[in-house]
Amino acid sequence: MPIARGTRWSGFLALLAALACAFADQIPQSPPVEAAEIAPLASKSLLLDVAAAGSRIVVVGERGQVLLSDDQGASWRQPETPTLSLLTAVYFVDARHGWAVGHDEVILRTEDGGEHWARAHFEPQASQPLLDVWFRDADHGVAVGAYSAYFTSADGGRSWQSQAFSPVSKPPPRHPQATKPLPAADVDDEGTQFHLNAISAAANGKLYIAAESGHLYRSDDGGATWLTLSSPYEGSYFGVLPLDGDSVLAFGMRGHLFRSDNAGDSWTQIRTDVTAMLMSGTRLPNDAVVITALAGVLLVSTDGGHTFSVQQQADRKGMSSALLVDGRFITVGEGGVHTRPLK
């Protein structure tokens, strides 16, 4: 899932930093804020992530805005939220339990499908945006962000503990019949803190983190420990999309897209013919995959993520995240929420 407020140009502070730098001016923050403004045009503002809460669609974005739809995106309403911070990511583990994270190290939680939100964590003085959040179940979750921010919760997100992110620098032993892996990424210099841009979970239980400066990480034990994977690219990654088995896609800056069929031990580059920043990946029925990007670019695969074709959207608005709902492809990003046709 976009970061920094317009004037914070730290070289694409992360996935969410890049979008916000491209789409929005800096939003001044006063320390504790009471509630996000109820805005009639919120569905057309900068929105950064979308998730399903059962049959409901939940979208988050600038100024702490949350939008809900109970009719597959035909109409939207805005509940109150206890923050004005830019919300960068949202995740629901079921129809009721969800969490949103964002700037000022804010973490929100809901237990009624997004109707009401409580602020569980808020540290504006920390100056490190949170960029993504994931929960294994209704109790255990992880939030990641800028400067290797790594928080865990074991009580449904009511409280959060900051932990040092210290991945093992060498990849795990590869299967004897796997293709030869690329050299492991350099060991991080002491004190270096890379932005952790996105966290994702595979059906087999493995977790992946996409990070800046060509860093990719994998956990085989639910996040207790992390491995630094070999990386074929030195630029930032903005997402890892797990496919079937140990197959995954990693994507990021300047249209770079890679596939691994051995859980990230080795990678093959996939040609995209675009230089747009690749922001998020979505699996569709019938072995289809869609990757959203800036500049109104959609990359579409009909063969399980082996090859992709380009669909250029006429409005050329950047897209940060997407969700398939009842046969409709809904994207969020620049200009708000849109329903997109897929050819």
C-alpha atoms as a PDB file:
ATOM      1  CA  MET A   1       0.000   0.000   0.000  1.00  0.00           C
ATOM      2  CA  PRO A   2       1.498   6.222  -0.250  1.00  0.00           C
ATOM      3  CA  ILE A   3       3.470   8.463   2.299  1.00  0.00           C
ATOM      4  CA  ALA A   4       4.900  11.762   2.954  1.00  0.00           C
ATOM      5  CA  ARG A   5       3.183  15.038   2.914  1.00  0.00           C
ATOM      6  CA  GLY A   6       4.133  17.148  -0.056  1.00  0.00           C
ATOM      7  CA  THR A   7       7.199  18.828   1.417  1.00  0.00           C
ATOM      8  CA  ARG A   8       8.836  15.686   2.820  1.00  0.00           C
ATOM      9  CA  TRP A   9      11.005  14.648  -0.133  1.00  0.00           C
ATOM     10  CA  SER A  10      13.211  11.952   1.402  1.00  0.00           C
ATOM     11  CA  GLY A  11      13.504  10.078  -1.872  1.00  0.00           C
ATOM     12  CA  PHE A  12      10.109   8.378  -1.847  1.00  0.00           C
ATOM     13  CA  LEU A  13       9.899   7.699   1.870  1.00  0.00           C
ATOM     14  CA  ALA A  14       7.931   4.577   1.001  1.00  0.00           C
ATOM     15  CA  LEU A  15       5.059   3.395  -1.092  1.00  0.00           C
ATOM     16  CA  LEU A  16       2.644   5.699   0.592  1.00  0.00           C
ATOM     17  CA  ALA A  17       5.162   8.463   0.702  1.00  0.00           C
ATOM     18  CA  ALA A  18       5.483   8.358  -3.033  1.00  0.00           C
ATOM     19  CA  LEU A  19       1.789   8.639  -3.740  1.00  0.00           C
ATOM     20  CA  ALA A  20       1.204  11.433  -1.313  1.00  0.00           C
ATOM     21  CA  CYS A  21       4.188  13.327  -2.651  1.00  0.00           C
ATOM     22  CA  ALA A  22       2.722  12.970  -6.113  1.00  0.00           C
ATOM     23  CA  PHE A  23      -0.872  13.742  -5.225  1.00  0.00           C
ATOM     24  CA  ALA A  24      -1.154  15.928  -2.114  1.00  0.00           C
ATOM     25  CA  ASP A  25       0.175  19.013  -0.408  1.00  0.00           C
ATOM     26  CA  GLN A  26       1.451  18.810   3.136  1.00  0.00           C
ATOM     27  CA  ILE A  27      -1.328  18.578   5.709  1.00  0.00           C
ATOM     28  CA  PRO A  28      -0.396  20.441   8.910  1.00  0.00           C
ATOM     29  CA  GLN A  29      -0.971  18.455  12.104  1.00  0.00           C
ATOM     30  CA  SER A  30      -1.710  19.747  15.567  1.00  0.00           C
ATOM     31  CA  PRO A  31      -0.896  17.258  18.347  1.00  0.00           C
ATOM     32  CA  PRO A  32      -3.962  15.374  19.629  1.00  0.00           C
ATOM     33  CA  VAL A  33      -6.878  15.731  17.235  1.00  0.00           C
ATOM     34  CA  GLU A  34     -10.477  14.989  18.021  1.00  0.00           C
ATOM     35  CA  ALA A  35     -12.003  13.731  14.795  1.00  0.00           C
ATOM     36  CA  ALA A  36     -11.664  13.742  11.032  1.00  0.00           C
ATOM     37  CA  GLU A  37     -13.815  16.249   9.190  1.00  0.00           C
ATOM     38  CA  ILE A  38     -16.943  14.812   7.573  1.00  0.00           C
ATOM     39  CA  ALA A  39     -16.389  15.840   3.953  1.00  0.00           C
ATOM     40  CA  PRO A  40     -19.112  15.568   1.280  1.00  0.00           C
ATOM     41  CA  LEU A  41     -16.459  15.015  -1.417  1.00  0.00           C
ATOM     42  CA  ALA A  42     -14.346  12.552   0.568  1.00  0.00           C
ATOM     43  CA  SER A  43     -14.815   9.836  -2.068  1.00  0.00           C
ATOM     44  CA  LYS A  44     -12.960  12.081  -4.540  1.00  0.00           C
ATOM     45  CA  SER A  45     -10.032  12.933  -2.259  1.00  0.00           C
ATOM     46  CA  LEU A  46      -6.679  11.157  -1.984  1.00  0.00           C
ATOM     47  CA  LEU A  47      -7.497   7.598  -0.869  1.00  0.00           C
ATOM     48  CA  LEU A  48      -4.719   5.116  -0.308  1.00  0.00           C
ATOM     49  CA  ASP A  49      -6.050   1.682   0.595  1.00  0.00           C
ATOM     50  CA  VAL A  50      -9.172  -0.472   0.325  1.00  0.00           C
ATOM     51  CA  ALA A  51     -10.229  -3.663   2.116  1.00  0.00           C
ATOM     52  CA  ALA A  52     -13.251  -5.933   2.412  1.00  0.00           C
ATOM     53  CA  ALA A  53     -15.017  -6.304   5.766  1.00  0.00           C
ATOM     54  CA  GLY A  54     -17.324  -9.146   4.884  1.00  0.00           C
ATOM     55  CA  SER A  55     -19.596  -7.732   2.164  1.00  0.00           C
ATOM     56  CA  ARG A  56     -18.707  -4.152   3.128  1.00  0.00           C
ATOM     57  CA  ILE A  57     -15.961  -2.134   1.421  1.00  0.00           C
ATOM     58  CA  VAL A  58     -13.733   0.065   3.598  1.00  0.00           C
ATOM     59  CA  VAL A  59     -11.466   2.785   2.183  1.00  0.00           C
ATOM     60  CA  VAL A  60      -8.965   5.041   3.988  1.00  0.00           C
ATOM     61  CA  GLY A  61      -7.018   8.145   3.024  1.00  0.00           C
ATOM     62  CA  GLU A  62      -6.125  11.740   3.742  1.00  0.00           C
ATOM     63  CA  ARG A  63      -7.152  13.707   6.840  1.00  0.00           C
ATOM     64  CA  GLY A  64      -8.115  10.524   8.685  1.00  0.00           C
ATOM     65  CA  GLN A  65     -10.988   9.827   6.324  1.00  0.00           C
ATOM     66  CA  VAL A  66     -12.656   6.416   6.277  1.00  0.00           C
ATOM     67  CA  LEU A  67     -15.359   5.560   3.738  1.00  0.00           C
ATOM     68  CA  LEU A  68     -17.818   2.654   3.870  1.00  0.00           C
ATOM     69  CA  SER A  69     -19.918   1.114   1.118  1.00  0.00           C
ATOM     70  CA  ASP A  70     -22.586  -1.565   1.567  1.00  0.00           C
ATOM     71  CA  ASP A  71     -23.679  -1.618  -2.084  1.00  0.00           C
ATOM     72  CA  GLN A  72     -20.506  -2.757  -3.880  1.00  0.00           C
ATOM     73  CA  GLY A  73     -19.175   0.772  -4.254  1.00  0.00           C
ATOM     74  CA  ALA A  74     -22.277   2.400  -5.722  1.00  0.00           C
ATOM     75  CA  SER A  75     -22.475   4.843  -2.780  1.00  0.00           C
ATOM     76  CA  TRP A  76     -20.243   5.826   0.129  1.00  0.00           C
ATOM     77  CA  ARG A  77     -20.682   7.196   3.632  1.00  0.00           C
ATOM     78  CA  GLN A  78     -18.121   8.522   6.091  1.00  0.00           C
ATOM     79  CA  PRO A  79     -18.033   7.513   9.773  1.00  0.00           C
ATOM     80  CA  GLU A  80     -16.238   9.644  12.331  1.00  0.00           C
ATOM     81  CA  THR A  81     -12.619   8.782  13.115  1.00  0.00           C
ATOM     82  CA  PRO A  82     -10.462  10.072  15.989  1.00  0.00           C
ATOM     83  CA  THR A  83      -7.609  11.429  13.865  1.00  0.00           C
ATOM     84  CA  LEU A  84      -6.677  13.931  11.178  1.00  0.00           C
ATOM     85  CA  SER A  85      -3.548  11.983  10.229  1.00  0.00           C
ATOM     86  CA  LEU A  86      -3.168  10.604   6.722  1.00  0.00           C
ATOM     87  CA  LEU A  87      -4.270   6.947   6.812  1.00  0.00           C
ATOM     88  CA  THR A  88      -2.091   4.777   4.600  1.00  0.00           C
ATOM     89  CA  ALA A  89      -3.418   1.232   5.020  1.00  0.00           C
ATOM     90  CA  VAL A  90      -6.403  -0.732   6.297  1.00  0.00           C
ATOM     91  CA  TYR A  91      -6.863  -4.443   7.056  1.00  0.00           C
ATOM     92  CA  PHE A  92      -9.817  -6.559   8.175  1.00  0.00           C
ATOM     93  CA  VAL A  93      -9.485 -10.092   9.486  1.00  0.00           C
ATOM     94  CA  ASP A  94     -13.260 -10.662   9.328  1.00  0.00           C
ATOM     95  CA  ALA A  95     -16.451  -8.643   8.858  1.00  0.00           C
ATOM     96  CA  ARG A  96     -16.084  -6.833  12.196  1.00  0.00           C
ATOM     97  CA  HIS A  97     -12.444  -6.592  13.303  1.00  0.00           C
ATOM     98  CA  GLY A  98     -10.270  -4.128  11.424  1.00  0.00           C
ATOM     99  CA  TRP A  99      -7.296  -1.781  11.816  1.00  0.00           C
ATOM    100  CA  ALA A 100      -5.967   1.283  10.003  1.00  0.00           C
ATOM    101  CA  VAL A 101      -2.513   2.874  10.241  1.00  0.00           C
ATOM    102  CA  GLY A 102      -0.955   6.079   9.021  1.00  0.00           C
ATOM    103  CA  HIS A 103       1.094   9.177   9.644  1.00  0.00           C
ATOM    104  CA  ASP A 104       1.984  10.340  13.145  1.00  0.00           C
ATOM    105  CA  GLU A 105       2.381   6.641  13.981  1.00  0.00           C
ATOM    106  CA  VAL A 106      -1.384   6.429  14.353  1.00  0.00           C
ATOM    107  CA  ILE A 107      -3.195   3.093  14.686  1.00  0.00           C
ATOM    108  CA  LEU A 108      -6.987   2.849  14.724  1.00  0.00           C
ATOM    109  CA  ARG A 109      -9.126  -0.190  15.521  1.00  0.00           C
ATOM    110  CA  THR A 110     -12.760  -1.132  14.972  1.00  0.00           C
ATOM    111  CA  GLU A 111     -14.904  -4.021  16.203  1.00  0.00           C
ATOM    112  CA  ASP A 112     -18.063  -3.271  14.222  1.00  0.00           C
ATOM    113  CA  GLY A 113     -16.962  -3.300  10.601  1.00  0.00           C
ATOM    114  CA  GLY A 114     -15.786   0.302  10.548  1.00  0.00           C
ATOM    115  CA  GLU A 115     -18.856   2.025  11.969  1.00  0.00           C
ATOM    116  CA  HIS A 116     -16.849   3.223  14.993  1.00  0.00           C
ATOM    117  CA  TRP A 117     -13.095   3.621  15.409  1.00  0.00           C
ATOM    118  CA  ALA A 118     -10.869   3.962  18.485  1.00  0.00           C
ATOM    119  CA  ARG A 119      -7.348   5.363  18.495  1.00  0.00           C
ATOM    120  CA  ALA A 120      -5.044   2.702  19.940  1.00  0.00           C
ATOM    121  CA  HIS A 121      -1.667   4.315  19.270  1.00  0.00           C
ATOM    122  CA  PHE A 122      -0.515   7.830  18.357  1.00  0.00           C
ATOM    123  CA  GLU A 123       3.024   9.255  18.495  1.00  0.00           C
ATOM    124  CA  PRO A 124       3.262  12.366  16.287  1.00  0.00           C
ATOM    125  CA  GLN A 125       6.643  13.304  17.753  1.00  0.00           C
ATOM    126  CA  ALA A 126       8.125  10.058  16.415  1.00  0.00           C
ATOM    127  CA  SER A 127       7.944  11.385  12.821  1.00  0.00           C
ATOM    128  CA  GLN A 128       7.760   7.893  11.322  1.00  0.00           C
ATOM    129  CA  PRO A 129       4.624   7.065   9.343  1.00  0.00           C
ATOM    130  CA  LEU A 130       3.206   3.574   9.537  1.00  0.00           C
ATOM    131  CA  LEU A 131       2.652   2.136   6.069  1.00  0.00           C
ATOM    132  CA  ASP A 132       0.919  -1.217   6.395  1.00  0.00           C
ATOM    133  CA  VAL A 133      -0.825  -3.486   8.863  1.00  0.00           C
ATOM    134  CA  TRP A 134      -1.651  -7.202   8.924  1.00  0.00           C
ATOM    135  CA  PHE A 135      -3.387  -9.489  11.446  1.00  0.00           C
ATOM    136  CA  ARG A 136      -3.164 -13.279  11.661  1.00  0.00           C
ATOM    137  CA  ASP A 137      -6.411 -13.443  13.634  1.00  0.00           C
ATOM    138  CA  ALA A 138      -8.526 -11.113  15.735  1.00  0.00           C
ATOM    139  CA  ASP A 139      -5.753 -10.834  18.353  1.00  0.00           C
ATOM    140  CA  HIS A 140      -2.285 -11.004  16.772  1.00  0.00           C
ATOM    141  CA  GLY A 141      -1.066  -8.348  14.364  1.00  0.00           C
ATOM    142  CA  VAL A 142       1.912  -6.468  12.926  1.00  0.00           C
ATOM    143  CA  ALA A 143       2.245  -2.857  11.750  1.00  0.00           C
ATOM    144  CA  VAL A 144       5.264  -1.710   9.711  1.00  0.00           C
ATOM    145  CA  GLY A 145       6.493   1.629   8.466  1.00  0.00           C
ATOM    146  CA  ALA A 146       9.236   4.142   7.828  1.00  0.00           C
ATOM    147  CA  TYR A 147      12.713   3.756   9.336  1.00  0.00           C
ATOM    148  CA  SER A 148      12.086   0.047  10.017  1.00  0.00           C
ATOM    149  CA  ALA A 149       9.167   0.767  12.330  1.00  0.00           C
ATOM    150  CA  TYR A 150       7.856  -2.614  13.493  1.00  0.00           C
ATOM    151  CA  PHE A 151       5.030  -2.928  16.022  1.00  0.00           C
ATOM    152  CA  THR A 152       3.219  -6.014  17.270  1.00  0.00           C
ATOM    153  CA  SER A 153      -0.039  -6.542  19.144  1.00  0.00           C
ATOM    154  CA  ALA A 154      -1.384  -9.616  20.929  1.00  0.00           C
ATOM    155  CA  ASP A 155      -4.646  -8.140  22.213  1.00  0.00           C
ATOM    156  CA  GLY A 156      -6.549  -7.232  19.076  1.00  0.00           C
ATOM    157  CA  GLY A 157      -4.709  -3.970  18.561  1.00  0.00           C
ATOM    158  CA  ARG A 158      -5.675  -2.418  21.892  1.00  0.00           C
ATOM    159  CA  SER A 159      -1.985  -2.031  22.758  1.00  0.00           C
ATOM    160  CA  TRP A 160       1.180  -2.104  20.630  1.00  0.00           C
ATOM    161  CA  GLN A 161       4.815  -2.900  21.353  1.00  0.00           C
ATOM    162  CA  SER A 162       7.668  -1.461  19.300  1.00  0.00           C
ATOM    163  CA  GLN A 163      10.263  -4.087  18.383  1.00  0.00           C
ATOM    164  CA  ALA A 164      13.655  -3.912  16.708  1.00  0.00           C
ATOM    165  CA  PHE A 165      13.473  -5.246  13.148  1.00  0.00           C
ATOM    166  CA  SER A 166      16.607  -7.420  12.884  1.00  0.00           C
ATOM    167  CA  PRO A 167      16.411  -9.820   9.931  1.00  0.00           C
ATOM    168  CA  VAL A 168      19.005 -12.513   9.358  1.00  0.00           C
ATOM    169  CA  SER A 169      21.183 -11.296   6.498  1.00  0.00           C
ATOM    170  CA  LYS A 170      21.576 -14.599   4.669  1.00  0.00           C
ATOM    171  CA  PRO A 171      18.744 -16.340   2.777  1.00  0.00           C
ATOM    172  CA  PRO A 172      17.732 -19.839   3.918  1.00  0.00           C
ATOM    173  CA  PRO A 173      19.187 -22.933   2.213  1.00  0.00           C
ATOM    174  CA  ARG A 174      17.556 -23.403  -1.167  1.00  0.00           C
ATOM    175  CA  HIS A 175      15.957 -26.594  -2.405  1.00  0.00           C
ATOM    176  CA  PRO A 176      18.564 -28.710  -4.221  1.00  0.00           C
ATOM    177  CA  GLN A 177      16.638 -28.464  -7.478  1.00  0.00           C
ATOM    178  CA  ALA A 178      15.919 -24.750  -7.282  1.00  0.00           C
ATOM    179  CA  THR A 179      17.624 -22.403  -9.704  1.00  0.00           C
ATOM    180  CA  LYS A 180      20.759 -20.767  -8.379  1.00  0.00           C
ATOM    181  CA  PRO A 181      19.813 -17.832  -6.148  1.00  0.00           C
ATOM    182  CA  LEU A 182      21.200 -14.373  -6.632  1.00  0.00           C
ATOM    183  CA  PRO A 183      23.704 -13.152  -4.035  1.00  0.00           C
ATOM    184  CA  ALA A 184      22.177 -12.131  -0.756  1.00  0.00           C
ATOM    185  CA  ALA A 185      21.562  -8.460  -0.178  1.00  0.00           C
ATOM    186  CA  ASP A 186      24.375  -6.691   1.612  1.00  0.00           C
ATOM    187  CA  VAL A 187      24.244  -6.802   5.372  1.00  0.00           C
ATOM    188  CA  ASP A 188      22.582  -3.640   6.624  1.00  0.00           C
ATOM    189  CA  ASP A 189      25.035  -1.156   8.066  1.00  0.00           C
ATOM    190  CA  GLU A 190      24.692  -0.787  11.793  1.00  0.00           C
ATOM    191  CA  GLY A 191      22.049   1.811  12.492  1.00  0.00           C
ATOM    192  CA  THR A 192      20.585   1.754   8.979  1.00  0.00           C
ATOM    193  CA  GLN A 193      16.799   1.700   9.063  1.00  0.00           C
ATOM    194  CA  PHE A 194      15.085   0.913   5.794  1.00  0.00           C
ATOM    195  CA  HIS A 195      11.459   1.839   5.224  1.00  0.00           C
ATOM    196  CA  LEU A 196       9.211  -1.210   5.441  1.00  0.00           C
ATOM    197  CA  ASN A 197       6.606  -0.434   2.785  1.00  0.00           C
ATOM    198  CA  ALA A 198       4.206  -3.377   2.814  1.00  0.00           C
ATOM    199  CA  ILE A 199       3.557  -6.669   4.577  1.00  0.00           C
ATOM    200  CA  SER A 200       1.647  -9.593   3.038  1.00  0.00           C
ATOM    201  CA  ALA A 201       0.793 -13.176   3.953  1.00  0.00           C
ATOM    202  CA  ALA A 202       0.765 -16.285   1.789  1.00  0.00           C
ATOM    203  CA  ALA A 203      -1.764 -19.077   2.181  1.00  0.00           C
ATOM    204  CA  ASN A 204       1.051 -21.388   3.349  1.00  0.00           C
ATOM    205  CA  GLY A 205       1.755 -19.129   6.338  1.00  0.00           C
ATOM    206  CA  LYS A 206       4.841 -17.341   5.064  1.00  0.00           C
ATOM    207  CA  LEU A 207       4.995 -13.560   5.527  1.00  0.00           C
ATOM    208  CA  TYR A 208       6.745 -11.109   3.212  1.00  0.00           C
ATOM    209  CA  ILE A 209       7.854  -7.499   3.604  1.00  0.00           C
ATOM    210  CA  ALA A 210       8.662  -5.208   0.680  1.00  0.00           C
ATOM    211  CA  ALA A 211      11.115  -2.469   1.601  1.00  0.00           C
ATOM    212  CA  GLU A 212      13.235   0.305   0.146  1.00  0.00           C
ATOM    213  CA  SER A 213      16.694   0.072  -1.431  1.00  0.00           C
ATOM    214  CA  GLY A 214      16.143  -3.372  -2.917  1.00  0.00           C
ATOM    215  CA  HIS A 215      15.300  -5.110   0.353  1.00  0.00           C
ATOM    216  CA  LEU A 216      12.910  -8.040   0.615  1.00  0.00           C
ATOM    217  CA  TYR A 217      12.214 -10.070   3.740  1.00  0.00           C
ATOM    218  CA  ARG A 218      10.434 -13.341   4.583  1.00  0.00           C
ATOM    219  CA  SER A 219       9.252 -14.903   7.818  1.00  0.00           C
ATOM    220  CA  ASP A 220       8.529 -18.606   8.126  1.00  0.00           C
ATOM    221  CA  ASP A 221       7.314 -18.418  11.720  1.00  0.00           C
ATOM    222  CA  GLY A 222       4.552 -15.831  11.731  1.00  0.00           C
ATOM    223  CA  GLY A 223       6.851 -12.839  12.131  1.00  0.00           C
ATOM    224  CA  ALA A 224       8.911 -14.060  15.083  1.00  0.00           C
ATOM    225  CA  THR A 225      12.058 -13.977  12.928  1.00  0.00           C
ATOM    226  CA  TRP A 226      12.825 -12.571   9.484  1.00  0.00           C
ATOM    227  CA  LEU A 227      15.206 -13.495   6.658  1.00  0.00           C
ATOM    228  CA  THR A 228      16.744 -11.069   4.188  1.00  0.00           C
ATOM    229  CA  LEU A 229      16.026 -12.483   0.742  1.00  0.00           C
ATOM    230  CA  SER A 230      18.233 -12.253  -2.307  1.00  0.00           C
ATOM    231  CA  SER A 231      17.163  -9.285  -4.404  1.00  0.00           C
ATOM    232  CA  PRO A 232      17.588  -8.683  -8.129  1.00  0.00           C
ATOM    233  CA  TYR A 233      16.990  -4.935  -7.891  1.00  0.00           C
ATOM    234  CA  GLU A 234      18.431  -2.060  -5.860  1.00  0.00           C
ATOM    235  CA  GLY A 235      15.384   0.203  -6.077  1.00  0.00           C
ATOM    236  CA  SER A 236      12.468   0.270  -3.661  1.00  0.00           C
ATOM    237  CA  TYR A 237       9.811  -2.416  -3.587  1.00  0.00           C
ATOM    238  CA  PHE A 238       6.245  -1.405  -2.776  1.00  0.00           C
ATOM    239  CA  GLY A 239       4.620  -4.803  -2.536  1.00  0.00           C
ATOM    240  CA  VAL A 240       4.914  -8.584  -2.562  1.00  0.00           C
ATOM    241  CA  LEU A 241       1.923 -10.534  -3.858  1.00  0.00           C
ATOM    242  CA  PRO A 242       1.810 -14.216  -2.824  1.00  0.00           C
ATOM    243  CA  LEU A 243       0.396 -16.567  -5.461  1.00  0.00           C
ATOM    244  CA  ASP A 244      -0.044 -20.337  -5.165  1.00  0.00           C
ATOM    245  CA  GLY A 245       2.433 -22.419  -3.212  1.00  0.00           C
ATOM    246  CA  ASP A 246       5.802 -20.670  -2.924  1.00  0.00           C
ATOM    247  CA  SER A 247       5.231 -18.407  -5.936  1.00  0.00           C
ATOM    248  CA  VAL A 248       5.288 -14.657  -5.313  1.00  0.00           C
ATOM    249  CA  LEU A 249       5.538 -11.409  -7.276  1.00  0.00           C
ATOM    250  CA  ALA A 250       7.629  -8.461  -6.067  1.00  0.00           C
ATOM    251  CA  PHE A 251       7.196  -5.021  -7.632  1.00  0.00           C
ATOM    252  CA  GLY A 252       8.179  -1.406  -7.176  1.00  0.00           C
ATOM    253  CA  MET A 253       9.939   1.542  -8.768  1.00  0.00           C
ATOM    254  CA  ARG A 254      10.033   2.259 -12.508  1.00  0.00           C
ATOM    255  CA  GLY A 255       7.889  -0.695 -13.555  1.00  0.00           C
ATOM    256  CA  HIS A 256      10.181  -3.317 -12.068  1.00  0.00           C
ATOM    257  CA  LEU A 257       8.399  -6.647 -11.569  1.00  0.00           C
ATOM    258  CA  PHE A 258       9.905  -9.969 -10.522  1.00  0.00           C
ATOM    259  CA  ARG A 259       8.598 -13.493  -9.952  1.00  0.00           C
ATOM    260  CA  SER A 260       9.885 -16.199  -7.630  1.00  0.00           C
ATOM    261  CA  ASP A 261       8.643 -19.776  -7.482  1.00  0.00           C
ATOM    262  CA  ASN A 262      10.722 -20.725  -4.441  1.00  0.00           C
ATOM    263  CA  ALA A 263       9.558 -18.221  -1.815  1.00  0.00           C
ATOM    264  CA  GLY A 264      12.070 -15.563  -2.798  1.00  0.00           C
ATOM    265  CA  ASP A 265      15.247 -17.648  -2.940  1.00  0.00           C
ATOM    266  CA  SER A 266      15.688 -16.680  -6.615  1.00  0.00           C
ATOM    267  CA  TRP A 267      13.914 -14.310  -8.997  1.00  0.00           C
ATOM    268  CA  THR A 268      13.098 -13.854 -12.670  1.00  0.00           C
ATOM    269  CA  GLN A 269      12.317 -10.423 -14.083  1.00  0.00           C
ATOM    270  CA  ILE A 270       9.008 -10.007 -15.911  1.00  0.00           C
ATOM    271  CA  ARG A 271       8.858  -7.519 -18.764  1.00  0.00           C
ATOM    272  CA  THR A 272       6.271  -4.764 -18.225  1.00  0.00           C
ATOM    273  CA  ASP A 273       7.126  -2.123 -20.870  1.00  0.00           C
ATOM    274  CA  VAL A 274       6.243   0.628 -18.378  1.00  0.00           C
ATOM    275  CA  THR A 275       8.250   2.907 -16.097  1.00  0.00           C
ATOM    276  CA  ALA A 276       5.364   3.804 -13.787  1.00  0.00           C
ATOM    277  CA  MET A 277       5.684   3.050 -10.087  1.00  0.00           C
ATOM    278  CA  LEU A 278       3.959  -0.281  -9.330  1.00  0.00           C
ATOM    279  CA  MET A 279       1.928   0.064  -6.152  1.00  0.00           C
ATOM    280  CA  SER A 280      -0.211  -2.995  -5.317  1.00  0.00           C
ATOM    281  CA  GLY A 281      -1.189  -6.424  -6.587  1.00  0.00           C
ATOM    282  CA  THR A 282      -4.571  -8.179  -6.605  1.00  0.00           C
ATOM    283  CA  ARG A 283      -5.469 -11.765  -7.451  1.00  0.00           C
ATOM    284  CA  LEU A 284      -8.630 -12.320  -9.494  1.00  0.00           C
ATOM    285  CA  PRO A 285     -10.556 -15.477 -10.416  1.00  0.00           C
ATOM    286  CA  ASN A 286      -9.436 -17.735 -13.267  1.00  0.00           C
ATOM    287  CA  ASP A 287      -5.716 -17.312 -12.565  1.00  0.00           C
ATOM    288  CA  ALA A 288      -5.737 -13.571 -13.280  1.00  0.00           C
ATOM    289  CA  VAL A 289      -3.561 -10.972 -11.550  1.00  0.00           C
ATOM    290  CA  VAL A 290      -3.768  -7.173 -11.687  1.00  0.00           C
ATOM    291  CA  ILE A 291      -1.070  -4.742 -10.548  1.00  0.00           C
ATOM    292  CA  THR A 292      -2.005  -1.096 -10.040  1.00  0.00           C
ATOM    293  CA  ALA A 293       0.400   1.740 -10.740  1.00  0.00           C
ATOM    294  CA  LEU A 294       0.791   5.469 -11.032  1.00  0.00           C
ATOM    295  CA  ALA A 295      -0.071   7.298 -14.264  1.00  0.00           C
ATOM    296  CA  GLY A 296      -3.268   5.278 -14.681  1.00  0.00           C
ATOM    297  CA  VAL A 297      -1.465   2.046 -15.547  1.00  0.00           C
ATOM    298  CA  LEU A 298      -2.909  -1.399 -14.899  1.00  0.00           C
ATOM    299  CA  LEU A 299      -0.802  -4.497 -15.543  1.00  0.00           C
ATOM    300  CA  VAL A 300      -3.027  -7.507 -16.241  1.00  0.00           C
ATOM    301  CA  SER A 301      -2.031 -11.176 -16.299  1.00  0.00           C
ATOM    302  CA  THR A 302      -4.305 -14.020 -17.393  1.00  0.00           C
ATOM    303  CA  ASP A 303      -1.731 -16.781 -16.885  1.00  0.00           C
ATOM    304  CA  GLY A 304      -1.167 -16.679 -13.142  1.00  0.00           C
ATOM    305  CA  GLY A 305       1.405 -13.899 -13.115  1.00  0.00           C
ATOM    306  CA  HIS A 306       3.855 -15.211 -15.722  1.00  0.00           C
ATOM    307  CA  THR A 307       3.245 -12.490 -18.317  1.00  0.00           C
ATOM    308  CA  PHE A 308       1.467  -9.127 -18.199  1.00  0.00           C
ATOM    309  CA  SER A 309      -0.170  -6.738 -20.634  1.00  0.00           C
ATOM    310  CA  VAL A 310      -0.662  -2.996 -20.121  1.00  0.00           C
ATOM    311  CA  GLN A 311      -4.064  -1.368 -19.828  1.00  0.00           C
ATOM    312  CA  GLN A 312      -3.748   2.408 -19.857  1.00  0.00           C
ATOM    313  CA  GLN A 313      -6.651   4.121 -18.103  1.00  0.00           C
ATOM    314  CA  ALA A 314      -8.009   7.152 -19.930  1.00  0.00           C
ATOM    315  CA  ASP A 315      -7.998   9.406 -16.866  1.00  0.00           C
ATOM    316  CA  ARG A 316      -4.317   8.566 -16.132  1.00  0.00           C
ATOM    317  CA  LYS A 317      -4.961   8.862 -12.407  1.00  0.00           C
ATOM    318  CA  GLY A 318      -2.566   7.000 -10.147  1.00  0.00           C
ATOM    319  CA  MET A 319      -3.908   3.977  -8.287  1.00  0.00           C
ATOM    320  CA  SER A 320      -2.490   2.838  -4.946  1.00  0.00           C
ATOM    321  CA  SER A 321      -4.694  -0.171  -4.146  1.00  0.00           C
ATOM    322  CA  ALA A 322      -7.519  -2.237  -5.603  1.00  0.00           C
ATOM    323  CA  LEU A 323     -10.192  -4.764  -4.685  1.00  0.00           C
ATOM    324  CA  LEU A 324     -12.437  -7.065  -6.703  1.00  0.00           C
ATOM    325  CA  VAL A 325     -16.020  -6.811  -5.441  1.00  0.00           C
ATOM    326  CA  ASP A 326     -18.851  -8.784  -7.044  1.00  0.00           C
ATOM    327  CA  GLY A 327     -17.158  -8.705 -10.440  1.00  0.00           C
ATOM    328  CA  ARG A 328     -16.309  -5.007 -10.171  1.00  0.00           C
ATOM    329  CA  PHE A 329     -12.688  -3.834  -9.975  1.00  0.00           C
ATOM    330  CA  ILE A 330     -12.527  -0.956  -7.504  1.00  0.00           C
ATOM    331  CA  THR A 331      -9.387   1.181  -7.246  1.00  0.00           C
ATOM    332  CA  VAL A 332      -8.354   3.961  -4.876  1.00  0.00           C
ATOM    333  CA  GLY A 333      -5.718   6.606  -5.317  1.00  0.00           C
ATOM    334  CA  GLU A 334      -5.506   9.994  -6.966  1.00  0.00           C
ATOM    335  CA  GLY A 335      -8.976  11.468  -7.364  1.00  0.00           C
ATOM    336  CA  GLY A 336     -10.590   9.054  -4.915  1.00  0.00           C
ATOM    337  CA  VAL A 337     -12.367   5.761  -5.527  1.00  0.00           C
ATOM    338  CA  HIS A 338     -13.185   4.475  -9.023  1.00  0.00           C
ATOM    339  CA  THR A 339     -14.712   1.409 -10.642  1.00  0.00           C
ATOM    340  CA  ARG A 340     -12.444   0.261 -13.473  1.00  0.00           C
ATOM    341  CA  PRO A 341     -13.210  -1.980 -16.439  1.00  0.00           C
ATOM    342  CA  LEU A 342     -10.818  -4.857 -17.119  1.00  0.00           C
ATOM    343  CA  LYS A 343     -10.473  -5.892 -20.749  1.00  0.00           C
END
